[in-house]
Amino acid sequence: MDASTLPTWGLALLIFGLRVCDVTLGTVRTLSVVQGRVRLSVFLGFFEILIWVTAISQVVTHLAESPLLAVAYAGGFATGNASGILLERRLAMGSVVVRMISAKASDAIAAYLESLGHSVALFNGHGKGDAPVRLVYTTCRRKELRSILDHARGLDADVIYAVEPLLEGSLTFRQPLPHATGWRAVFLRK
């Protein structure tokens, strides 16, 4: 592409758009890395850098002609951060652990979760002033989270909940080898 034929405002708009795209991809890629999604991270990283190289080369080549290009570059970066976060929220990739504390409807909440096919753990506890409460633990896809929380609040308006990310495979446990420890264990596995 020969950007020298574009007017300055057109080049600034192009740089802004490229930067929004590459930072959006970068934000989603970073969150994919944290979640352990290797293939998606590699795919997004390739296109992120391809777009970034195109944008930065245009800025460096034409910056002396117009400082507006640096402003477009920075504006694209800032906008890309916001759009990347919004896109990742929309995609809602991954799973979460949901912990709910209810004094009124823990059994109904647990029954609802089980009807959706989720495993549920219930624990007895004590709330404010030694009032009995039940703790409801479950895991779900992030896409399901909003409807689960809405339903729980419908059953108990005072439900307290905490949500945290669940890294894929974090619930896998391995038995230690009885005869090998440390780095040597890798070589002694059968």
N, C-alpha and C. Protein backbone atom coordinates (compact mmCIF):
# COMPACT_ATOMS: atom_id res chain seq x y z
N MET A 1 0.85 -1.18 0.00
CA MET A 1 0.00 0.00 0.00
C MET A 1 0.89 1.24 0.00
N ASP A 2 0.58 2.18 -0.87
CA ASP A 2 1.34 3.42 -0.94
C ASP A 2 0.57 4.49 -0.19
N ALA A 3 0.97 4.71 1.06
CA ALA A 3 0.26 5.66 1.91
C ALA A 3 0.60 7.09 1.57
N SER A 4 1.64 7.31 0.76
CA SER A 4 2.03 8.68 0.43
C SER A 4 0.97 9.38 -0.43
N THR A 5 0.09 8.62 -1.06
CA THR A 5 -0.97 9.23 -1.88
C THR A 5 -2.17 9.66 -1.04
N LEU A 6 -2.24 9.22 0.21
CA LEU A 6 -3.35 9.60 1.08
C LEU A 6 -3.13 10.99 1.65
N PRO A 7 -4.20 11.76 1.82
CA PRO A 7 -4.04 13.03 2.54
C PRO A 7 -3.69 12.74 4.00
N THR A 8 -3.16 13.73 4.68
CA THR A 8 -2.72 13.54 6.07
C THR A 8 -3.85 13.04 6.96
N TRP A 9 -5.03 13.60 6.83
CA TRP A 9 -6.15 13.16 7.65
C TRP A 9 -6.52 11.71 7.35
N GLY A 10 -6.40 11.31 6.09
CA GLY A 10 -6.69 9.92 5.71
C GLY A 10 -5.67 8.95 6.28
N LEU A 11 -4.40 9.35 6.24
CA LEU A 11 -3.34 8.52 6.82
C LEU A 11 -3.51 8.43 8.34
N ALA A 12 -3.87 9.54 8.97
CA ALA A 12 -4.10 9.54 10.42
C ALA A 12 -5.27 8.62 10.77
N LEU A 13 -6.31 8.65 9.98
CA LEU A 13 -7.46 7.78 10.19
C LEU A 13 -7.10 6.31 9.99
N LEU A 14 -6.27 6.04 8.99
CA LEU A 14 -5.81 4.67 8.74
C LEU A 14 -4.97 4.17 9.92
N ILE A 15 -4.05 5.00 10.39
CA ILE A 15 -3.20 4.61 11.52
C ILE A 15 -4.05 4.39 12.77
N PHE A 16 -5.00 5.28 13.00
CA PHE A 16 -5.91 5.12 14.14
C PHE A 16 -6.64 3.78 14.06
N GLY A 17 -7.20 3.48 12.89
CA GLY A 17 -7.95 2.23 12.71
C GLY A 17 -7.08 1.00 12.86
N LEU A 18 -5.87 1.02 12.30
CA LEU A 18 -4.94 -0.10 12.44
C LEU A 18 -4.58 -0.32 13.91
N ARG A 19 -4.36 0.78 14.59
CA ARG A 19 -3.97 0.69 16.01
C ARG A 19 -5.11 0.15 16.87
N VAL A 20 -6.33 0.57 16.58
CA VAL A 20 -7.48 0.03 17.31
C VAL A 20 -7.54 -1.49 17.10
N CYS A 21 -7.35 -1.91 15.86
CA CYS A 21 -7.41 -3.36 15.56
C CYS A 21 -6.31 -4.12 16.28
N ASP A 22 -5.07 -3.65 16.20
CA ASP A 22 -3.98 -4.44 16.78
C ASP A 22 -4.03 -4.44 18.31
N VAL A 23 -4.44 -3.35 18.93
CA VAL A 23 -4.51 -3.34 20.40
C VAL A 23 -5.72 -4.16 20.87
N THR A 24 -6.80 -4.14 20.13
CA THR A 24 -7.95 -4.99 20.46
C THR A 24 -7.53 -6.45 20.43
N LEU A 25 -6.85 -6.85 19.36
CA LEU A 25 -6.35 -8.23 19.27
C LEU A 25 -5.37 -8.53 20.40
N GLY A 26 -4.52 -7.56 20.73
CA GLY A 26 -3.54 -7.75 21.79
C GLY A 26 -4.18 -7.93 23.15
N THR A 27 -5.23 -7.19 23.42
CA THR A 27 -5.92 -7.32 24.70
C THR A 27 -6.57 -8.68 24.82
N VAL A 28 -7.26 -9.11 23.77
CA VAL A 28 -7.89 -10.43 23.80
C VAL A 28 -6.82 -11.53 23.85
N ARG A 29 -5.70 -11.32 23.15
CA ARG A 29 -4.61 -12.30 23.18
C ARG A 29 -4.03 -12.44 24.58
N THR A 30 -3.82 -11.32 25.25
CA THR A 30 -3.27 -11.36 26.61
C THR A 30 -4.19 -12.13 27.55
N LEU A 31 -5.47 -11.88 27.46
CA LEU A 31 -6.42 -12.61 28.29
C LEU A 31 -6.46 -14.08 27.92
N SER A 32 -6.25 -14.39 26.64
CA SER A 32 -6.19 -15.80 26.20
C SER A 32 -4.95 -16.49 26.76
N VAL A 33 -3.84 -15.77 26.83
CA VAL A 33 -2.61 -16.33 27.40
C VAL A 33 -2.84 -16.68 28.86
N VAL A 34 -3.46 -15.76 29.60
CA VAL A 34 -3.72 -15.99 31.02
C VAL A 34 -4.60 -17.21 31.22
N GLN A 35 -5.54 -17.43 30.31
CA GLN A 35 -6.44 -18.57 30.41
C GLN A 35 -5.85 -19.86 29.84
N GLY A 36 -4.63 -19.78 29.29
CA GLY A 36 -3.97 -20.96 28.78
C GLY A 36 -4.43 -21.40 27.40
N ARG A 37 -4.99 -20.51 26.62
CA ARG A 37 -5.47 -20.84 25.27
C ARG A 37 -4.34 -20.59 24.27
N VAL A 38 -3.51 -21.60 24.10
CA VAL A 38 -2.28 -21.45 23.32
C VAL A 38 -2.56 -21.16 21.85
N ARG A 39 -3.37 -21.98 21.21
CA ARG A 39 -3.62 -21.81 19.76
C ARG A 39 -4.22 -20.45 19.44
N LEU A 40 -5.20 -20.06 20.23
CA LEU A 40 -5.83 -18.76 20.01
C LEU A 40 -4.83 -17.63 20.21
N SER A 41 -3.97 -17.75 21.22
CA SER A 41 -2.96 -16.73 21.49
C SER A 41 -1.98 -16.59 20.33
N VAL A 42 -1.57 -17.71 19.78
CA VAL A 42 -0.63 -17.69 18.64
C VAL A 42 -1.30 -17.03 17.44
N PHE A 43 -2.52 -17.42 17.14
CA PHE A 43 -3.25 -16.88 16.00
C PHE A 43 -3.43 -15.37 16.14
N LEU A 44 -3.91 -14.93 17.30
CA LEU A 44 -4.12 -13.50 17.52
C LEU A 44 -2.82 -12.72 17.51
N GLY A 45 -1.77 -13.30 18.10
CA GLY A 45 -0.47 -12.64 18.15
C GLY A 45 0.11 -12.38 16.77
N PHE A 46 -0.06 -13.34 15.87
CA PHE A 46 0.44 -13.18 14.51
C PHE A 46 -0.18 -11.96 13.84
N PHE A 47 -1.50 -11.88 13.88
CA PHE A 47 -2.18 -10.77 13.22
C PHE A 47 -2.00 -9.45 13.96
N GLU A 48 -1.89 -9.51 15.27
CA GLU A 48 -1.64 -8.31 16.06
C GLU A 48 -0.34 -7.64 15.61
N ILE A 49 0.72 -8.42 15.52
CA ILE A 49 2.03 -7.86 15.16
C ILE A 49 2.09 -7.45 13.69
N LEU A 50 1.43 -8.21 12.83
CA LEU A 50 1.37 -7.85 11.41
C LEU A 50 0.73 -6.47 11.23
N ILE A 51 -0.36 -6.24 11.92
CA ILE A 51 -1.04 -4.94 11.85
C ILE A 51 -0.19 -3.85 12.50
N TRP A 52 0.43 -4.17 13.64
CA TRP A 52 1.25 -3.19 14.35
C TRP A 52 2.42 -2.72 13.48
N VAL A 53 3.10 -3.65 12.83
CA VAL A 53 4.24 -3.29 11.97
C VAL A 53 3.79 -2.35 10.86
N THR A 54 2.63 -2.63 10.29
CA THR A 54 2.10 -1.77 9.23
C THR A 54 1.83 -0.36 9.77
N ALA A 55 1.20 -0.27 10.94
CA ALA A 55 0.87 1.04 11.51
C ALA A 55 2.12 1.82 11.89
N ILE A 56 3.04 1.18 12.60
CA ILE A 56 4.23 1.90 13.07
C ILE A 56 5.12 2.34 11.91
N SER A 57 5.16 1.53 10.86
CA SER A 57 5.98 1.92 9.70
C SER A 57 5.43 3.19 9.05
N GLN A 58 4.12 3.33 9.02
CA GLN A 58 3.53 4.54 8.45
C GLN A 58 3.79 5.76 9.34
N VAL A 59 3.74 5.57 10.64
CA VAL A 59 4.01 6.68 11.55
C VAL A 59 5.45 7.13 11.42
N VAL A 60 6.38 6.19 11.46
CA VAL A 60 7.81 6.53 11.40
C VAL A 60 8.14 7.19 10.06
N THR A 61 7.58 6.68 8.99
CA THR A 61 7.88 7.21 7.66
C THR A 61 7.34 8.63 7.48
N HIS A 62 6.17 8.92 8.02
CA HIS A 62 5.51 10.20 7.72
C HIS A 62 5.38 11.14 8.93
N LEU A 63 6.02 10.82 10.04
CA LEU A 63 5.88 11.63 11.23
C LEU A 63 6.42 13.05 11.05
N ALA A 64 7.49 13.20 10.31
CA ALA A 64 8.07 14.53 10.09
C ALA A 64 7.10 15.45 9.34
N GLU A 65 6.25 14.85 8.51
CA GLU A 65 5.28 15.64 7.75
C GLU A 65 4.12 16.12 8.63
N SER A 66 3.74 15.30 9.62
CA SER A 66 2.60 15.68 10.45
C SER A 66 2.64 15.01 11.81
N PRO A 67 2.74 15.80 12.88
CA PRO A 67 2.67 15.23 14.23
C PRO A 67 1.28 14.65 14.56
N LEU A 68 0.29 14.96 13.72
CA LEU A 68 -1.05 14.42 13.90
C LEU A 68 -1.03 12.88 13.87
N LEU A 69 -0.07 12.32 13.16
CA LEU A 69 0.02 10.87 13.06
C LEU A 69 0.35 10.23 14.40
N ALA A 70 1.18 10.90 15.21
CA ALA A 70 1.49 10.40 16.55
C ALA A 70 0.25 10.44 17.44
N VAL A 71 -0.55 11.49 17.28
CA VAL A 71 -1.79 11.61 18.05
C VAL A 71 -2.76 10.50 17.63
N ALA A 72 -2.85 10.22 16.34
CA ALA A 72 -3.73 9.16 15.85
C ALA A 72 -3.26 7.80 16.36
N TYR A 73 -1.94 7.61 16.40
CA TYR A 73 -1.37 6.36 16.91
C TYR A 73 -1.72 6.16 18.38
N ALA A 74 -1.53 7.20 19.18
CA ALA A 74 -1.84 7.12 20.61
C ALA A 74 -3.35 6.97 20.84
N GLY A 75 -4.15 7.68 20.08
CA GLY A 75 -5.61 7.56 20.20
C GLY A 75 -6.09 6.17 19.84
N GLY A 76 -5.49 5.57 18.82
CA GLY A 76 -5.84 4.21 18.45
C GLY A 76 -5.48 3.22 19.53
N PHE A 77 -4.36 3.45 20.20
CA PHE A 77 -3.95 2.59 21.30
C PHE A 77 -4.97 2.64 22.44
N ALA A 78 -5.34 3.85 22.84
CA ALA A 78 -6.29 4.02 23.94
C ALA A 78 -7.65 3.41 23.60
N THR A 79 -8.13 3.68 22.40
CA THR A 79 -9.41 3.14 21.98
C THR A 79 -9.36 1.62 21.85
N GLY A 80 -8.25 1.10 21.38
CA GLY A 80 -8.08 -0.35 21.24
C GLY A 80 -8.14 -1.08 22.57
N ASN A 81 -7.60 -0.46 23.62
CA ASN A 81 -7.70 -1.07 24.95
C ASN A 81 -9.16 -1.24 25.36
N ALA A 82 -9.92 -0.17 25.20
CA ALA A 82 -11.34 -0.23 25.58
C ALA A 82 -12.09 -1.24 24.72
N SER A 83 -11.85 -1.22 23.42
CA SER A 83 -12.60 -2.14 22.54
C SER A 83 -12.17 -3.59 22.78
N GLY A 84 -10.92 -3.82 23.13
CA GLY A 84 -10.47 -5.17 23.44
C GLY A 84 -11.14 -5.72 24.69
N ILE A 85 -11.27 -4.89 25.70
CA ILE A 85 -11.94 -5.32 26.93
C ILE A 85 -13.42 -5.60 26.66
N LEU A 86 -14.06 -4.72 25.90
CA LEU A 86 -15.47 -4.93 25.57
C LEU A 86 -15.67 -6.20 24.74
N LEU A 87 -14.77 -6.44 23.79
CA LEU A 87 -14.87 -7.64 22.96
C LEU A 87 -14.69 -8.90 23.81
N GLU A 88 -13.70 -8.88 24.70
CA GLU A 88 -13.46 -10.05 25.54
C GLU A 88 -14.65 -10.31 26.47
N ARG A 89 -15.25 -9.27 26.99
CA ARG A 89 -16.45 -9.45 27.82
C ARG A 89 -17.58 -10.06 27.00
N ARG A 90 -17.70 -9.63 25.77
CA ARG A 90 -18.76 -10.16 24.89
C ARG A 90 -18.51 -11.63 24.57
N LEU A 91 -17.25 -11.98 24.33
CA LEU A 91 -16.91 -13.37 24.03
C LEU A 91 -17.06 -14.25 25.27
N ALA A 92 -16.78 -13.69 26.44
CA ALA A 92 -16.89 -14.38 27.74
C ALA A 92 -16.26 -15.76 27.69
N MET A 93 -14.98 -15.80 27.36
CA MET A 93 -14.27 -17.07 27.27
C MET A 93 -13.90 -17.56 28.67
N GLY A 94 -13.87 -18.85 28.84
CA GLY A 94 -13.39 -19.43 30.07
C GLY A 94 -14.48 -19.77 31.06
N SER A 95 -14.04 -20.23 32.22
CA SER A 95 -14.93 -20.65 33.29
C SER A 95 -14.61 -19.88 34.56
N VAL A 96 -15.57 -19.88 35.47
CA VAL A 96 -15.40 -19.19 36.74
C VAL A 96 -15.87 -20.07 37.89
N VAL A 97 -15.35 -19.77 39.06
CA VAL A 97 -15.84 -20.37 40.29
C VAL A 97 -16.79 -19.34 40.91
N VAL A 98 -17.97 -19.80 41.30
CA VAL A 98 -18.97 -18.91 41.89
C VAL A 98 -19.22 -19.39 43.32
N ARG A 99 -19.06 -18.49 44.27
CA ARG A 99 -19.35 -18.79 45.68
C ARG A 99 -20.46 -17.86 46.12
N MET A 100 -21.55 -18.45 46.59
CA MET A 100 -22.70 -17.66 47.04
C MET A 100 -22.99 -17.97 48.50
N ILE A 101 -23.38 -16.93 49.24
CA ILE A 101 -23.77 -17.08 50.63
C ILE A 101 -25.22 -16.62 50.73
N SER A 102 -26.07 -17.53 51.21
CA SER A 102 -27.49 -17.22 51.30
C SER A 102 -28.05 -17.71 52.63
N ALA A 103 -28.87 -16.89 53.25
CA ALA A 103 -29.54 -17.29 54.49
C ALA A 103 -30.94 -17.82 54.21
N LYS A 104 -31.49 -17.49 53.01
CA LYS A 104 -32.89 -17.79 52.74
C LYS A 104 -33.09 -18.89 51.69
N ALA A 105 -32.30 -18.90 50.65
CA ALA A 105 -32.65 -19.73 49.49
C ALA A 105 -31.51 -20.60 48.97
N SER A 106 -30.60 -21.01 49.81
CA SER A 106 -29.45 -21.78 49.34
C SER A 106 -29.87 -23.09 48.69
N ASP A 107 -30.86 -23.76 49.25
CA ASP A 107 -31.31 -25.03 48.67
C ASP A 107 -31.94 -24.81 47.30
N ALA A 108 -32.72 -23.75 47.16
CA ALA A 108 -33.34 -23.44 45.87
C ALA A 108 -32.28 -23.06 44.83
N ILE A 109 -31.28 -22.31 45.26
CA ILE A 109 -30.19 -21.94 44.35
C ILE A 109 -29.44 -23.19 43.92
N ALA A 110 -29.14 -24.07 44.86
CA ALA A 110 -28.43 -25.32 44.54
C ALA A 110 -29.26 -26.18 43.60
N ALA A 111 -30.55 -26.27 43.84
CA ALA A 111 -31.42 -27.08 42.97
C ALA A 111 -31.44 -26.51 41.55
N TYR A 112 -31.49 -25.19 41.44
CA TYR A 112 -31.47 -24.55 40.12
C TYR A 112 -30.16 -24.86 39.39
N LEU A 113 -29.04 -24.73 40.09
CA LEU A 113 -27.73 -25.02 39.47
C LEU A 113 -27.64 -26.47 39.03
N GLU A 114 -28.13 -27.38 39.86
CA GLU A 114 -28.11 -28.80 39.51
C GLU A 114 -29.02 -29.09 38.32
N SER A 115 -30.13 -28.35 38.20
CA SER A 115 -31.02 -28.54 37.05
C SER A 115 -30.34 -28.10 35.75
N LEU A 116 -29.37 -27.20 35.86
CA LEU A 116 -28.60 -26.77 34.69
C LEU A 116 -27.44 -27.73 34.39
N GLY A 117 -27.23 -28.71 35.27
CA GLY A 117 -26.16 -29.68 35.07
C GLY A 117 -24.86 -29.36 35.76
N HIS A 118 -24.88 -28.39 36.67
CA HIS A 118 -23.66 -28.01 37.38
C HIS A 118 -23.50 -28.83 38.66
N SER A 119 -22.28 -29.14 39.00
CA SER A 119 -22.00 -29.74 40.30
C SER A 119 -22.06 -28.64 41.34
N VAL A 120 -22.58 -28.97 42.51
CA VAL A 120 -22.77 -27.97 43.56
C VAL A 120 -22.24 -28.53 44.87
N ALA A 121 -21.56 -27.68 45.62
CA ALA A 121 -21.14 -28.04 46.97
C ALA A 121 -21.82 -27.08 47.94
N LEU A 122 -22.44 -27.63 48.97
CA LEU A 122 -23.12 -26.82 49.99
C LEU A 122 -22.39 -26.96 51.31
N PHE A 123 -22.22 -25.84 52.02
CA PHE A 123 -21.58 -25.84 53.33
C PHE A 123 -22.42 -25.02 54.29
N ASN A 124 -22.48 -25.47 55.51
CA ASN A 124 -23.16 -24.69 56.55
C ASN A 124 -22.19 -23.67 57.10
N GLY A 125 -22.73 -22.51 57.46
CA GLY A 125 -21.89 -21.46 58.02
C GLY A 125 -22.69 -20.59 58.97
N HIS A 126 -22.01 -19.60 59.51
CA HIS A 126 -22.63 -18.66 60.43
C HIS A 126 -22.40 -17.25 59.91
N GLY A 127 -23.47 -16.50 59.81
CA GLY A 127 -23.39 -15.13 59.34
C GLY A 127 -23.34 -14.15 60.49
N LYS A 128 -23.80 -12.97 60.22
CA LYS A 128 -23.80 -11.89 61.21
C LYS A 128 -24.65 -12.28 62.42
N GLY A 129 -24.12 -12.12 63.60
CA GLY A 129 -24.84 -12.45 64.81
C GLY A 129 -25.11 -13.94 64.96
N ASP A 130 -24.24 -14.75 64.42
CA ASP A 130 -24.36 -16.20 64.49
C ASP A 130 -25.59 -16.75 63.76
N ALA A 131 -26.17 -15.97 62.86
CA ALA A 131 -27.31 -16.44 62.07
C ALA A 131 -26.83 -17.52 61.10
N PRO A 132 -27.58 -18.60 60.94
CA PRO A 132 -27.15 -19.66 60.04
C PRO A 132 -27.24 -19.23 58.57
N VAL A 133 -26.21 -19.56 57.81
CA VAL A 133 -26.19 -19.32 56.37
C VAL A 133 -25.67 -20.58 55.70
N ARG A 134 -25.87 -20.67 54.38
CA ARG A 134 -25.32 -21.79 53.61
C ARG A 134 -24.46 -21.20 52.51
N LEU A 135 -23.36 -21.84 52.27
CA LEU A 135 -22.46 -21.45 51.20
C LEU A 135 -22.69 -22.40 50.03
N VAL A 136 -22.86 -21.84 48.86
CA VAL A 136 -23.10 -22.61 47.65
C VAL A 136 -21.91 -22.37 46.72
N TYR A 137 -21.20 -23.45 46.37
CA TYR A 137 -20.05 -23.35 45.47
C TYR A 137 -20.39 -24.09 44.19
N THR A 138 -20.02 -23.48 43.07
CA THR A 138 -20.17 -24.15 41.77
C THR A 138 -19.19 -23.55 40.78
N THR A 139 -19.09 -24.17 39.62
CA THR A 139 -18.33 -23.60 38.51
C THR A 139 -19.27 -23.51 37.32
N CYS A 140 -18.99 -22.54 36.45
CA CYS A 140 -19.80 -22.40 35.24
C CYS A 140 -19.00 -21.67 34.17
N ARG A 141 -19.51 -21.72 32.95
CA ARG A 141 -18.92 -20.94 31.86
C ARG A 141 -19.23 -19.47 32.12
N ARG A 142 -18.35 -18.59 31.73
CA ARG A 142 -18.60 -17.16 31.95
C ARG A 142 -19.86 -16.70 31.23
N LYS A 143 -20.20 -17.36 30.12
CA LYS A 143 -21.40 -16.97 29.37
C LYS A 143 -22.67 -17.22 30.18
N GLU A 144 -22.63 -18.15 31.11
CA GLU A 144 -23.79 -18.48 31.93
C GLU A 144 -23.88 -17.64 33.20
N LEU A 145 -22.82 -16.97 33.56
CA LEU A 145 -22.72 -16.32 34.86
C LEU A 145 -23.84 -15.33 35.12
N ARG A 146 -24.11 -14.45 34.19
CA ARG A 146 -25.11 -13.40 34.41
C ARG A 146 -26.48 -14.02 34.73
N SER A 147 -26.90 -15.02 33.96
CA SER A 147 -28.23 -15.60 34.21
C SER A 147 -28.26 -16.34 35.54
N ILE A 148 -27.16 -16.99 35.92
CA ILE A 148 -27.11 -17.69 37.21
C ILE A 148 -27.23 -16.69 38.36
N LEU A 149 -26.47 -15.61 38.28
CA LEU A 149 -26.53 -14.61 39.35
C LEU A 149 -27.89 -13.92 39.40
N ASP A 150 -28.48 -13.63 38.24
CA ASP A 150 -29.81 -13.02 38.22
C ASP A 150 -30.84 -13.93 38.88
N HIS A 151 -30.76 -15.21 38.57
CA HIS A 151 -31.71 -16.16 39.17
C HIS A 151 -31.50 -16.27 40.68
N ALA A 152 -30.24 -16.32 41.11
CA ALA A 152 -29.95 -16.39 42.55
C ALA A 152 -30.46 -15.15 43.27
N ARG A 153 -30.28 -13.97 42.67
CA ARG A 153 -30.79 -12.73 43.29
C ARG A 153 -32.32 -12.72 43.30
N GLY A 154 -32.94 -13.37 42.33
CA GLY A 154 -34.39 -13.48 42.31
C GLY A 154 -34.91 -14.36 43.45
N LEU A 155 -34.12 -15.36 43.81
CA LEU A 155 -34.50 -16.25 44.91
C LEU A 155 -34.18 -15.64 46.28
N ASP A 156 -33.09 -14.90 46.34
CA ASP A 156 -32.67 -14.26 47.60
C ASP A 156 -32.00 -12.94 47.26
N ALA A 157 -32.72 -11.85 47.47
CA ALA A 157 -32.21 -10.52 47.12
C ALA A 157 -30.96 -10.16 47.92
N ASP A 158 -30.75 -10.83 49.06
CA ASP A 158 -29.60 -10.53 49.92
C ASP A 158 -28.43 -11.49 49.69
N VAL A 159 -28.48 -12.29 48.64
CA VAL A 159 -27.40 -13.23 48.39
C VAL A 159 -26.09 -12.47 48.19
N ILE A 160 -25.04 -13.00 48.76
CA ILE A 160 -23.70 -12.43 48.59
C ILE A 160 -22.93 -13.41 47.71
N TYR A 161 -22.19 -12.91 46.74
CA TYR A 161 -21.47 -13.82 45.86
C TYR A 161 -20.08 -13.28 45.54
N ALA A 162 -19.21 -14.20 45.21
CA ALA A 162 -17.85 -13.87 44.76
C ALA A 162 -17.58 -14.73 43.54
N VAL A 163 -16.94 -14.14 42.56
CA VAL A 163 -16.63 -14.83 41.31
C VAL A 163 -15.15 -14.68 41.04
N GLU A 164 -14.51 -15.78 40.67
CA GLU A 164 -13.09 -15.71 40.31
C GLU A 164 -12.82 -16.62 39.13
N PRO A 165 -11.83 -16.31 38.32
CA PRO A 165 -11.54 -17.13 37.15
C PRO A 165 -11.10 -18.54 37.53
N LEU A 166 -11.47 -19.48 36.70
CA LEU A 166 -11.05 -20.86 36.86
C LEU A 166 -10.15 -21.17 35.68
N LEU A 167 -8.89 -21.43 35.95
CA LEU A 167 -7.97 -21.78 34.87
C LEU A 167 -8.25 -23.19 34.44
N GLU A 168 -8.35 -23.39 33.14
CA GLU A 168 -8.65 -24.71 32.61
C GLU A 168 -7.61 -25.70 33.10
N GLY A 169 -8.08 -26.84 33.57
CA GLY A 169 -7.18 -27.89 34.03
C GLY A 169 -6.69 -27.71 35.45
N SER A 170 -7.16 -26.65 36.13
CA SER A 170 -6.65 -26.41 37.47
C SER A 170 -7.21 -27.40 38.49
N LEU A 171 -8.21 -28.18 38.11
CA LEU A 171 -8.78 -29.15 39.03
C LEU A 171 -8.22 -30.55 38.81
N THR A 172 -7.15 -30.66 38.04
CA THR A 172 -6.52 -31.94 37.78
C THR A 172 -5.47 -32.20 38.85
N PHE A 173 -5.57 -33.35 39.50
CA PHE A 173 -4.60 -33.70 40.53
C PHE A 173 -3.82 -34.92 40.08
N ARG A 174 -2.54 -34.94 40.36
CA ARG A 174 -1.70 -36.08 40.02
C ARG A 174 -1.12 -36.65 41.29
N GLN A 175 -1.00 -37.96 41.30
CA GLN A 175 -0.37 -38.62 42.44
C GLN A 175 1.14 -38.50 42.29
N PRO A 176 1.84 -38.14 43.35
CA PRO A 176 3.30 -38.06 43.26
C PRO A 176 3.90 -39.46 43.15
N LEU A 177 5.00 -39.54 42.45
CA LEU A 177 5.71 -40.81 42.35
C LEU A 177 6.44 -41.05 43.67
N PRO A 178 6.31 -42.23 44.25
CA PRO A 178 6.89 -42.46 45.57
C PRO A 178 8.42 -42.53 45.56
N HIS A 179 9.03 -42.86 44.44
CA HIS A 179 10.47 -43.10 44.42
C HIS A 179 11.28 -41.96 43.83
N ALA A 180 10.63 -40.99 43.22
CA ALA A 180 11.40 -39.93 42.56
C ALA A 180 10.86 -38.57 42.96
N THR A 181 11.77 -37.65 43.20
CA THR A 181 11.36 -36.29 43.54
C THR A 181 12.18 -35.31 42.72
N GLY A 182 11.70 -34.08 42.67
CA GLY A 182 12.43 -33.02 41.99
C GLY A 182 12.53 -33.24 40.49
N TRP A 183 13.55 -32.69 39.89
CA TRP A 183 13.71 -32.73 38.44
C TRP A 183 13.97 -34.13 37.93
N ARG A 184 14.50 -35.03 38.78
CA ARG A 184 14.79 -36.40 38.34
C ARG A 184 13.53 -37.19 38.06
N ALA A 185 12.42 -36.77 38.63
CA ALA A 185 11.15 -37.50 38.45
C ALA A 185 10.75 -37.56 36.99
N VAL A 186 11.10 -36.54 36.21
CA VAL A 186 10.75 -36.52 34.79
C VAL A 186 11.39 -37.71 34.07
N PHE A 187 12.61 -38.02 34.41
CA PHE A 187 13.32 -39.09 33.71
C PHE A 187 12.94 -40.48 34.22
N LEU A 188 12.35 -40.57 35.40
CA LEU A 188 12.03 -41.87 35.99
C LEU A 188 10.61 -42.28 35.73
N ARG A 189 9.80 -41.45 35.08
CA ARG A 189 8.42 -41.81 34.78
C ARG A 189 8.36 -42.93 33.78
N LYS A 190 7.40 -43.81 33.96
CA LYS A 190 7.25 -44.92 33.02
C LYS A 190 6.08 -44.69 32.12
